[in-house]
Amino acid sequence: MRRILVTGAGTWTGGRLIQRLEGRPDVQVRAVDDVEPRLAFTSPFRRVGLDRPELARHLLESRPETVIHLLGLDRGAAVGGSRAHEELVLGAQALFGAIGRCDTIRHVVVASDVAVYGSGPRHPSVFTEESTGHGGRGRSRRDLLDMEQFVAEMAQHHPDITFTVLRFAGLFGPNVDNTLSRYLRLPVVPTLLGFDPRLQVVFEEDAVGALAHAFDRPVPGTYNVAAPGQLYLSRILRLGRRGAWPAATWCSPPTWSPSSGTGWWWTPPGCAATWGSPRA
């Protein structure tokens, strides 16, 4: 019986992964998070602070063979941006410290993000795993880099444990609740006039499949997970039948108010002259 501990089980991605794994007769899943699960599953769930010592104690008590750590995925909608920031760094410290003291663990799968490469006008169209980004060190990118540094140090000191890092492109789909999905689901999507950024995404079910595949085939190293090729934002909006609302300068996007049958747009102060008309 293979025992697995899944952190971040309260998110849609974590819950869907557990649903896939718990149906296997040779797998026993234990799930933890500090929010209630979005999806129902039959595996034992324990609500603990993911940046607290309770997580380390629970791991040592569970004595899993595999740990799947999902805090590198966008959790801002579930716990708030500041809380997600604390969990990513402090939770990784607590978890990896406990992993080093648990003699049953043989494989660790860590979900990271392609945000580690940063963003900039001189970046290549597609990054390889060996690429080094030169974008600004925003908080999200800094936290991800710190987490991956913890993984690298653990792999160096514990060669008997296989560490697999999956850097996901933006998760997108009707169920996952993250910044990208909420942005692209808007009835009219704010854009910057004169700019048409390229995006590379991964469908939510494909992301779950990649995690299950990494669990089944323990391979050390870091791997990008994204759909082949890229799409321009304008193309994505056309495929999704969404209108674009181009702005001449960047400001806070307008908010939707369902005050009538059709609703109305409220434009923030100082931005009234910058928003153009919606277009298909």
C-alpha atoms as a PDB file:
ATOM      1  CA  MET A   1       0.000   0.000   0.000  1.00  0.00           C
ATOM      2  CA  ARG A   2       1.486   3.330  -1.124  1.00  0.00           C
ATOM      3  CA  ARG A   3       0.785   6.126   1.339  1.00  0.00           C
ATOM      4  CA  ILE A   4       0.530   9.651  -0.053  1.00  0.00           C
ATOM      5  CA  LEU A   5       0.235  13.015   1.653  1.00  0.00           C
ATOM      6  CA  VAL A   6      -1.304  15.794  -0.463  1.00  0.00           C
ATOM      7  CA  THR A   7      -0.967  19.395   0.718  1.00  0.00           C
ATOM      8  CA  GLY A   8      -3.287  22.032  -0.731  1.00  0.00           C
ATOM      9  CA  ALA A   9      -6.146  19.517  -0.885  1.00  0.00           C
ATOM     10  CA  GLY A  10      -8.752  22.261  -0.445  1.00  0.00           C
ATOM     11  CA  THR A  11      -8.248  23.637  -3.961  1.00  0.00           C
ATOM     12  CA  TRP A  12     -10.003  22.257  -7.021  1.00  0.00           C
ATOM     13  CA  THR A  13      -6.713  20.900  -8.372  1.00  0.00           C
ATOM     14  CA  GLY A  14      -5.869  19.142  -5.105  1.00  0.00           C
ATOM     15  CA  GLY A  15      -9.337  17.673  -4.719  1.00  0.00           C
ATOM     16  CA  ARG A  16      -9.460  16.445  -8.306  1.00  0.00           C
ATOM     17  CA  LEU A  17      -6.054  14.793  -7.944  1.00  0.00           C
ATOM     18  CA  ILE A  18      -7.158  13.026  -4.763  1.00  0.00           C
ATOM     19  CA  GLN A  19     -10.309  11.794  -6.505  1.00  0.00           C
ATOM     20  CA  ARG A  20      -8.124  10.240  -9.201  1.00  0.00           C
ATOM     21  CA  LEU A  21      -5.672   8.606  -6.821  1.00  0.00           C
ATOM     22  CA  GLU A  22      -7.980   7.319  -4.108  1.00  0.00           C
ATOM     23  CA  GLY A  23      -9.741   5.001  -6.545  1.00  0.00           C
ATOM     24  CA  ARG A  24      -6.612   2.908  -6.908  1.00  0.00           C
ATOM     25  CA  PRO A  25      -6.561  -0.203  -4.720  1.00  0.00           C
ATOM     26  CA  ASP A  26      -2.856   0.113  -3.891  1.00  0.00           C
ATOM     27  CA  VAL A  27      -2.953   3.803  -2.846  1.00  0.00           C
ATOM     28  CA  GLN A  28      -3.852   5.371   0.504  1.00  0.00           C
ATOM     29  CA  VAL A  29      -4.231   9.165   0.439  1.00  0.00           C
ATOM     30  CA  ARG A  30      -4.116  11.601   3.347  1.00  0.00           C
ATOM     31  CA  ALA A  31      -5.104  15.182   2.601  1.00  0.00           C
ATOM     32  CA  VAL A  32      -4.297  18.426   4.425  1.00  0.00           C
ATOM     33  CA  ASP A  33      -5.144  22.088   3.951  1.00  0.00           C
ATOM     34  CA  ASP A  34      -6.223  25.052   6.051  1.00  0.00           C
ATOM     35  CA  VAL A  35      -9.429  25.545   4.041  1.00  0.00           C
ATOM     36  CA  GLU A  36     -12.305  23.144   3.513  1.00  0.00           C
ATOM     37  CA  PRO A  37     -12.091  21.100   0.287  1.00  0.00           C
ATOM     38  CA  ARG A  38     -13.942  22.392  -2.750  1.00  0.00           C
ATOM     39  CA  LEU A  39     -14.451  18.847  -4.032  1.00  0.00           C
ATOM     40  CA  ALA A  40     -15.724  15.867  -2.076  1.00  0.00           C
ATOM     41  CA  PHE A  41     -13.440  12.854  -1.630  1.00  0.00           C
ATOM     42  CA  THR A  42     -13.401   9.865   0.699  1.00  0.00           C
ATOM     43  CA  SER A  43      -9.771  10.050   1.844  1.00  0.00           C
ATOM     44  CA  PRO A  44      -9.049  11.335   5.366  1.00  0.00           C
ATOM     45  CA  PHE A  45      -8.776  15.125   5.473  1.00  0.00           C
ATOM     46  CA  ARG A  46      -7.172  17.149   8.241  1.00  0.00           C
ATOM     47  CA  ARG A  47      -7.456  20.911   8.480  1.00  0.00           C
ATOM     48  CA  VAL A  48      -4.132  22.304   9.663  1.00  0.00           C
ATOM     49  CA  GLY A  49      -2.211  25.512   9.087  1.00  0.00           C
ATOM     50  CA  LEU A  50       0.156  24.840   6.216  1.00  0.00           C
ATOM     51  CA  ASP A  51       2.731  27.252   7.607  1.00  0.00           C
ATOM     52  CA  ARG A  52       2.499  25.911  11.155  1.00  0.00           C
ATOM     53  CA  PRO A  53       4.384  23.158  13.044  1.00  0.00           C
ATOM     54  CA  GLU A  54       1.181  21.076  12.990  1.00  0.00           C
ATOM     55  CA  LEU A  55       1.866  20.257   9.331  1.00  0.00           C
ATOM     56  CA  ALA A  56       5.276  18.803  10.168  1.00  0.00           C
ATOM     57  CA  ARG A  57       3.839  16.792  13.045  1.00  0.00           C
ATOM     58  CA  HIS A  58       1.060  15.429  10.865  1.00  0.00           C
ATOM     59  CA  LEU A  59       3.551  14.366   8.191  1.00  0.00           C
ATOM     60  CA  LEU A  60       5.721  12.549  10.744  1.00  0.00           C
ATOM     61  CA  GLU A  61       2.637  10.804  12.145  1.00  0.00           C
ATOM     62  CA  SER A  62       1.353   9.792   8.690  1.00  0.00           C
ATOM     63  CA  ARG A  63       4.744   8.414   7.523  1.00  0.00           C
ATOM     64  CA  PRO A  64       3.922   8.685   3.803  1.00  0.00           C
ATOM     65  CA  GLU A  65       5.981   7.266   0.985  1.00  0.00           C
ATOM     66  CA  THR A  66       5.140  10.142  -1.378  1.00  0.00           C
ATOM     67  CA  VAL A  67       4.393  13.817  -0.710  1.00  0.00           C
ATOM     68  CA  ILE A  68       2.593  15.934  -3.330  1.00  0.00           C
ATOM     69  CA  HIS A  69       3.019  19.598  -2.408  1.00  0.00           C
ATOM     70  CA  LEU A  70       0.564  21.895  -4.209  1.00  0.00           C
ATOM     71  CA  LEU A  71       1.109  25.239  -2.487  1.00  0.00           C
ATOM     72  CA  GLY A  72       3.015  26.543  -5.509  1.00  0.00           C
ATOM     73  CA  LEU A  73      -0.260  26.819  -7.404  1.00  0.00           C
ATOM     74  CA  ASP A  74      -2.285  30.033  -7.261  1.00  0.00           C
ATOM     75  CA  ARG A  75      -4.186  29.909  -3.936  1.00  0.00           C
ATOM     76  CA  GLY A  76      -4.964  33.597  -3.608  1.00  0.00           C
ATOM     77  CA  ALA A  77      -8.689  33.107  -4.209  1.00  0.00           C
ATOM     78  CA  ALA A  78      -8.917  30.426  -1.519  1.00  0.00           C
ATOM     79  CA  VAL A  79      -6.904  32.002   1.293  1.00  0.00           C
ATOM     80  CA  GLY A  80      -6.058  35.559   0.190  1.00  0.00           C
ATOM     81  CA  GLY A  81      -2.873  36.902  -1.349  1.00  0.00           C
ATOM     82  CA  SER A  82      -1.002  37.644   1.883  1.00  0.00           C
ATOM     83  CA  ARG A  83      -1.900  34.288   3.379  1.00  0.00           C
ATOM     84  CA  ALA A  84      -0.849  32.456   0.205  1.00  0.00           C
ATOM     85  CA  HIS A  85       2.509  34.247   0.360  1.00  0.00           C
ATOM     86  CA  GLU A  86       3.097  33.135   3.951  1.00  0.00           C
ATOM     87  CA  GLU A  87       2.074  29.565   3.245  1.00  0.00           C
ATOM     88  CA  LEU A  88       4.308  29.225   0.203  1.00  0.00           C
ATOM     89  CA  VAL A  89       7.552  30.119   1.968  1.00  0.00           C
ATOM     90  CA  LEU A  90       6.908  29.185   5.601  1.00  0.00           C
ATOM     91  CA  GLY A  91       4.931  26.102   4.618  1.00  0.00           C
ATOM     92  CA  ALA A  92       7.793  24.887   2.435  1.00  0.00           C
ATOM     93  CA  GLN A  93      10.245  25.382   5.306  1.00  0.00           C
ATOM     94  CA  ALA A  94       8.056  23.401   7.714  1.00  0.00           C
ATOM     95  CA  LEU A  95       7.293  20.664   5.201  1.00  0.00           C
ATOM     96  CA  PHE A  96      10.816  20.089   3.919  1.00  0.00           C
ATOM     97  CA  GLY A  97      12.207  20.159   7.425  1.00  0.00           C
ATOM     98  CA  ALA A  98       9.820  17.339   8.348  1.00  0.00           C
ATOM     99  CA  ILE A  99      10.611  15.447   5.140  1.00  0.00           C
ATOM    100  CA  GLY A 100      14.255  15.382   6.142  1.00  0.00           C
ATOM    101  CA  ARG A 101      13.290  13.688   9.431  1.00  0.00           C
ATOM    102  CA  CYS A 102      10.871  11.133   7.955  1.00  0.00           C
ATOM    103  CA  ASP A 103      12.610   7.910   6.912  1.00  0.00           C
ATOM    104  CA  THR A 104       9.686   6.539   4.877  1.00  0.00           C
ATOM    105  CA  ILE A 105       9.562   9.235   2.166  1.00  0.00           C
ATOM    106  CA  ARG A 106      11.029   8.243  -1.194  1.00  0.00           C
ATOM    107  CA  HIS A 107       9.401  10.711  -3.597  1.00  0.00           C
ATOM    108  CA  VAL A 108       8.325  14.357  -3.407  1.00  0.00           C
ATOM    109  CA  VAL A 109       6.341  16.110  -6.153  1.00  0.00           C
ATOM    110  CA  VAL A 110       6.331  19.915  -5.930  1.00  0.00           C
ATOM    111  CA  ALA A 111       4.000  22.116  -7.967  1.00  0.00           C
ATOM    112  CA  SER A 112       5.696  25.348  -8.993  1.00  0.00           C
ATOM    113  CA  ASP A 113       4.930  27.964 -11.629  1.00  0.00           C
ATOM    114  CA  VAL A 114       6.537  29.360 -14.777  1.00  0.00           C
ATOM    115  CA  ALA A 115       6.448  32.734 -13.005  1.00  0.00           C
ATOM    116  CA  VAL A 116       9.943  31.810 -11.783  1.00  0.00           C
ATOM    117  CA  TYR A 117      11.197  32.981 -15.196  1.00  0.00           C
ATOM    118  CA  GLY A 118       9.804  36.473 -14.698  1.00  0.00           C
ATOM    119  CA  SER A 119       8.557  38.554 -17.597  1.00  0.00           C
ATOM    120  CA  GLY A 120      10.136  41.096 -19.894  1.00  0.00           C
ATOM    121  CA  PRO A 121      10.195  42.332 -23.509  1.00  0.00           C
ATOM    122  CA  ARG A 122      13.547  40.647 -24.233  1.00  0.00           C
ATOM    123  CA  HIS A 123      12.544  37.212 -23.024  1.00  0.00           C
ATOM    124  CA  PRO A 124      12.368  34.340 -25.531  1.00  0.00           C
ATOM    125  CA  SER A 125       9.019  33.061 -26.746  1.00  0.00           C
ATOM    126  CA  VAL A 126       9.438  29.788 -24.859  1.00  0.00           C
ATOM    127  CA  PHE A 127      11.607  29.058 -21.839  1.00  0.00           C
ATOM    128  CA  THR A 128      13.364  25.763 -21.333  1.00  0.00           C
ATOM    129  CA  GLU A 129      13.965  24.329 -17.879  1.00  0.00           C
ATOM    130  CA  GLU A 130      17.594  25.494 -18.071  1.00  0.00           C
ATOM    131  CA  SER A 131      16.631  29.096 -18.870  1.00  0.00           C
ATOM    132  CA  THR A 132      17.263  31.863 -16.367  1.00  0.00           C
ATOM    133  CA  GLY A 133      14.689  34.628 -16.279  1.00  0.00           C
ATOM    134  CA  HIS A 134      15.670  38.253 -15.901  1.00  0.00           C
ATOM    135  CA  GLY A 135      12.336  39.781 -14.934  1.00  0.00           C
ATOM    136  CA  GLY A 136      11.728  41.842 -11.833  1.00  0.00           C
ATOM    137  CA  ARG A 137      11.801  40.018  -8.498  1.00  0.00           C
ATOM    138  CA  GLY A 138       8.187  40.522  -7.524  1.00  0.00           C
ATOM    139  CA  ARG A 139       6.867  38.842  -4.415  1.00  0.00           C
ATOM    140  CA  SER A 140       5.312  35.900  -6.248  1.00  0.00           C
ATOM    141  CA  ARG A 141       8.447  35.141  -8.258  1.00  0.00           C
ATOM    142  CA  ARG A 142      10.672  35.575  -5.205  1.00  0.00           C
ATOM    143  CA  ASP A 143       8.550  33.166  -3.168  1.00  0.00           C
ATOM    144  CA  LEU A 144       8.641  30.538  -5.909  1.00  0.00           C
ATOM    145  CA  LEU A 145      12.400  30.860  -6.268  1.00  0.00           C
ATOM    146  CA  ASP A 146      12.813  30.486  -2.506  1.00  0.00           C
ATOM    147  CA  MET A 147      10.642  27.367  -2.513  1.00  0.00           C
ATOM    148  CA  GLU A 148      12.591  25.810  -5.374  1.00  0.00           C
ATOM    149  CA  GLN A 149      15.829  26.643  -3.572  1.00  0.00           C
ATOM    150  CA  PHE A 150      14.552  24.670  -0.573  1.00  0.00           C
ATOM    151  CA  VAL A 151      13.897  21.736  -2.914  1.00  0.00           C
ATOM    152  CA  ALA A 152      17.392  21.944  -4.418  1.00  0.00           C
ATOM    153  CA  GLU A 153      18.994  21.963  -0.972  1.00  0.00           C
ATOM    154  CA  MET A 154      16.885  19.008   0.145  1.00  0.00           C
ATOM    155  CA  ALA A 155      17.788  17.036  -2.984  1.00  0.00           C
ATOM    156  CA  GLN A 156      21.467  17.694  -2.329  1.00  0.00           C
ATOM    157  CA  HIS A 157      21.319  16.533   1.294  1.00  0.00           C
ATOM    158  CA  HIS A 158      18.930  13.608   0.699  1.00  0.00           C
ATOM    159  CA  PRO A 159      19.996  11.751  -2.455  1.00  0.00           C
ATOM    160  CA  ASP A 160      17.792   8.808  -1.435  1.00  0.00           C
ATOM    161  CA  ILE A 161      14.640  10.912  -2.079  1.00  0.00           C
ATOM    162  CA  THR A 162      13.459  11.708  -5.618  1.00  0.00           C
ATOM    163  CA  PHE A 163      12.360  15.341  -5.989  1.00  0.00           C
ATOM    164  CA  THR A 164      10.193  16.235  -8.998  1.00  0.00           C
ATOM    165  CA  VAL A 165       9.371  19.917  -9.618  1.00  0.00           C
ATOM    166  CA  LEU A 166       6.606  20.747 -12.103  1.00  0.00           C
ATOM    167  CA  ARG A 167       6.514  24.348 -13.316  1.00  0.00           C
ATOM    168  CA  PHE A 168       2.975  24.919 -14.529  1.00  0.00           C
ATOM    169  CA  ALA A 169       1.904  27.523 -17.038  1.00  0.00           C
ATOM    170  CA  GLY A 170      -1.252  29.389 -16.083  1.00  0.00           C
ATOM    171  CA  LEU A 171      -3.998  26.914 -15.186  1.00  0.00           C
ATOM    172  CA  PHE A 172      -7.195  27.602 -17.066  1.00  0.00           C
ATOM    173  CA  GLY A 173     -10.624  26.003 -17.083  1.00  0.00           C
ATOM    174  CA  PRO A 174     -14.228  26.299 -15.903  1.00  0.00           C
ATOM    175  CA  ASN A 175     -13.536  24.933 -12.413  1.00  0.00           C
ATOM    176  CA  VAL A 176     -10.166  26.216 -11.237  1.00  0.00           C
ATOM    177  CA  ASP A 177     -10.427  29.538  -9.400  1.00  0.00           C
ATOM    178  CA  ASN A 178      -7.289  31.572 -10.078  1.00  0.00           C
ATOM    179  CA  THR A 179      -6.443  35.016 -11.413  1.00  0.00           C
ATOM    180  CA  LEU A 180      -6.054  33.944 -15.045  1.00  0.00           C
ATOM    181  CA  SER A 181      -9.318  32.002 -15.204  1.00  0.00           C
ATOM    182  CA  ARG A 182     -11.292  34.798 -13.530  1.00  0.00           C
ATOM    183  CA  TYR A 183      -9.764  37.330 -15.922  1.00  0.00           C
ATOM    184  CA  LEU A 184     -10.597  35.363 -19.061  1.00  0.00           C
ATOM    185  CA  ARG A 185     -14.119  34.570 -17.834  1.00  0.00           C
ATOM    186  CA  LEU A 186     -15.077  38.240 -17.628  1.00  0.00           C
ATOM    187  CA  PRO A 187     -17.876  39.143 -20.067  1.00  0.00           C
ATOM    188  CA  VAL A 188     -15.704  41.991 -21.375  1.00  0.00           C
ATOM    189  CA  VAL A 189     -11.946  41.665 -20.788  1.00  0.00           C
ATOM    190  CA  PRO A 190      -9.809  44.795 -20.107  1.00  0.00           C
ATOM    191  CA  THR A 191      -6.698  44.950 -22.296  1.00  0.00           C
ATOM    192  CA  LEU A 192      -3.937  47.445 -23.026  1.00  0.00           C
ATOM    193  CA  LEU A 193      -4.345  49.338 -26.269  1.00  0.00           C
ATOM    194  CA  GLY A 194      -1.525  48.499 -28.688  1.00  0.00           C
ATOM    195  CA  PHE A 195      -0.377  45.365 -26.850  1.00  0.00           C
ATOM    196  CA  ASP A 196      -1.289  41.774 -27.642  1.00  0.00           C
ATOM    197  CA  PRO A 197       0.660  39.530 -25.245  1.00  0.00           C
ATOM    198  CA  ARG A 198       1.388  35.883 -25.981  1.00  0.00           C
ATOM    199  CA  LEU A 199       0.048  33.411 -23.458  1.00  0.00           C
ATOM    200  CA  GLN A 200       0.801  29.774 -22.798  1.00  0.00           C
ATOM    201  CA  VAL A 201      -1.663  27.934 -20.582  1.00  0.00           C
ATOM    202  CA  VAL A 202      -2.482  24.431 -19.419  1.00  0.00           C
ATOM    203  CA  PHE A 203      -5.998  23.039 -19.107  1.00  0.00           C
ATOM    204  CA  GLU A 204      -7.009  22.198 -15.534  1.00  0.00           C
ATOM    205  CA  GLU A 205      -7.556  18.460 -16.182  1.00  0.00           C
ATOM    206  CA  ASP A 206      -4.206  18.232 -17.995  1.00  0.00           C
ATOM    207  CA  ALA A 207      -2.511  19.738 -14.923  1.00  0.00           C
ATOM    208  CA  VAL A 208      -4.086  17.059 -12.726  1.00  0.00           C
ATOM    209  CA  GLY A 209      -2.960  14.426 -15.224  1.00  0.00           C
ATOM    210  CA  ALA A 210       0.601  15.745 -15.096  1.00  0.00           C
ATOM    211  CA  LEU A 211       0.650  15.472 -11.301  1.00  0.00           C
ATOM    212  CA  ALA A 212      -0.696  11.904 -11.441  1.00  0.00           C
ATOM    213  CA  HIS A 213       1.905  11.034 -14.094  1.00  0.00           C
ATOM    214  CA  ALA A 214       4.712  12.432 -11.929  1.00  0.00           C
ATOM    215  CA  PHE A 215       3.439  10.331  -9.030  1.00  0.00           C
ATOM    216  CA  ASP A 216       3.420   7.166 -11.148  1.00  0.00           C
ATOM    217  CA  ARG A 217       6.890   7.731 -12.618  1.00  0.00           C
ATOM    218  CA  PRO A 218       9.309   9.195 -10.055  1.00  0.00           C
ATOM    219  CA  VAL A 219      11.907  11.121 -12.048  1.00  0.00           C
ATOM    220  CA  PRO A 220      14.225  13.721 -10.493  1.00  0.00           C
ATOM    221  CA  GLY A 221      14.479  17.198 -11.946  1.00  0.00           C
ATOM    222  CA  THR A 222      12.452  20.223 -12.983  1.00  0.00           C
ATOM    223  CA  TYR A 223       9.936  20.140 -15.824  1.00  0.00           C
ATOM    224  CA  ASN A 224       7.773  22.775 -17.502  1.00  0.00           C
ATOM    225  CA  VAL A 225       4.110  21.815 -17.950  1.00  0.00           C
ATOM    226  CA  ALA A 226       2.210  23.725 -20.636  1.00  0.00           C
ATOM    227  CA  ALA A 227       0.195  23.228 -23.777  1.00  0.00           C
ATOM    228  CA  PRO A 228       2.290  23.177 -26.977  1.00  0.00           C
ATOM    229  CA  GLY A 229       2.681  26.519 -28.675  1.00  0.00           C
ATOM    230  CA  GLN A 230       1.287  29.905 -27.710  1.00  0.00           C
ATOM    231  CA  LEU A 231      -1.765  32.012 -28.351  1.00  0.00           C
ATOM    232  CA  TYR A 232      -2.114  35.758 -28.524  1.00  0.00           C
ATOM    233  CA  LEU A 233      -4.543  37.226 -26.023  1.00  0.00           C
ATOM    234  CA  SER A 234      -6.728  38.543 -28.849  1.00  0.00           C
ATOM    235  CA  ARG A 235      -7.000  35.029 -30.274  1.00  0.00           C
ATOM    236  CA  ILE A 236      -7.945  33.580 -26.869  1.00  0.00           C
ATOM    237  CA  LEU A 237     -10.695  36.184 -26.480  1.00  0.00           C
ATOM    238  CA  ARG A 238     -12.090  35.388 -29.924  1.00  0.00           C
ATOM    239  CA  LEU A 239     -12.068  31.648 -29.196  1.00  0.00           C
ATOM    240  CA  GLY A 240     -13.848  32.297 -25.909  1.00  0.00           C
ATOM    241  CA  ARG A 241     -16.314  34.711 -27.523  1.00  0.00           C
ATOM    242  CA  ARG A 242     -15.237  37.475 -25.169  1.00  0.00           C
ATOM    243  CA  GLY A 243     -15.138  41.149 -25.969  1.00  0.00           C
ATOM    244  CA  ALA A 244     -11.996  43.218 -25.372  1.00  0.00           C
ATOM    245  CA  TRP A 245     -12.055  46.618 -23.680  1.00  0.00           C
ATOM    246  CA  PRO A 246      -8.761  48.321 -24.674  1.00  0.00           C
ATOM    247  CA  ALA A 247      -7.321  51.038 -22.429  1.00  0.00           C
ATOM    248  CA  ALA A 248      -4.857  53.661 -23.637  1.00  0.00           C
ATOM    249  CA  THR A 249      -3.076  53.642 -20.250  1.00  0.00           C
ATOM    250  CA  TRP A 250      -3.126  51.131 -17.454  1.00  0.00           C
ATOM    251  CA  CYS A 251      -5.418  51.696 -14.517  1.00  0.00           C
ATOM    252  CA  SER A 252      -7.652  49.596 -12.347  1.00  0.00           C
ATOM    253  CA  PRO A 253     -10.070  47.652 -14.556  1.00  0.00           C
ATOM    254  CA  PRO A 254     -13.752  48.568 -14.474  1.00  0.00           C
ATOM    255  CA  THR A 255     -15.991  46.541 -12.222  1.00  0.00           C
ATOM    256  CA  TRP A 256     -19.223  44.809 -13.115  1.00  0.00           C
ATOM    257  CA  SER A 257     -22.414  45.633 -11.262  1.00  0.00           C
ATOM    258  CA  PRO A 258     -25.512  43.518 -11.891  1.00  0.00           C
ATOM    259  CA  SER A 259     -27.856  46.416 -11.118  1.00  0.00           C
ATOM    260  CA  SER A 260     -30.129  45.738 -14.063  1.00  0.00           C
ATOM    261  CA  GLY A 261     -30.838  43.087 -16.598  1.00  0.00           C
ATOM    262  CA  THR A 262     -27.811  44.100 -18.646  1.00  0.00           C
ATOM    263  CA  GLY A 263     -25.614  45.426 -15.852  1.00  0.00           C
ATOM    264  CA  TRP A 264     -23.333  48.431 -16.219  1.00  0.00           C
ATOM    265  CA  TRP A 265     -19.674  49.351 -16.083  1.00  0.00           C
ATOM    266  CA  TRP A 266     -18.192  51.641 -13.479  1.00  0.00           C
ATOM    267  CA  THR A 267     -14.906  53.225 -14.511  1.00  0.00           C
ATOM    268  CA  PRO A 268     -12.495  54.245 -11.708  1.00  0.00           C
ATOM    269  CA  PRO A 269     -11.797  57.962 -11.191  1.00  0.00           C
ATOM    270  CA  GLY A 270      -9.108  59.311 -13.484  1.00  0.00           C
ATOM    271  CA  CYS A 271      -9.634  56.570 -16.077  1.00  0.00           C
ATOM    272  CA  ALA A 272     -12.824  57.810 -17.719  1.00  0.00           C
ATOM    273  CA  ALA A 273     -11.052  58.925 -20.883  1.00  0.00           C
ATOM    274  CA  THR A 274      -8.826  55.878 -21.313  1.00  0.00           C
ATOM    275  CA  TRP A 275     -11.325  53.073 -21.873  1.00  0.00           C
ATOM    276  CA  GLY A 276     -12.424  52.457 -25.438  1.00  0.00           C
ATOM    277  CA  SER A 277     -15.607  50.813 -26.618  1.00  0.00           C
ATOM    278  CA  PRO A 278     -16.012  47.051 -26.267  1.00  0.00           C
ATOM    279  CA  ARG A 279     -15.284  45.063 -29.379  1.00  0.00           C
ATOM    280  CA  ALA A 280     -15.805  41.420 -30.215  1.00  0.00           C
END
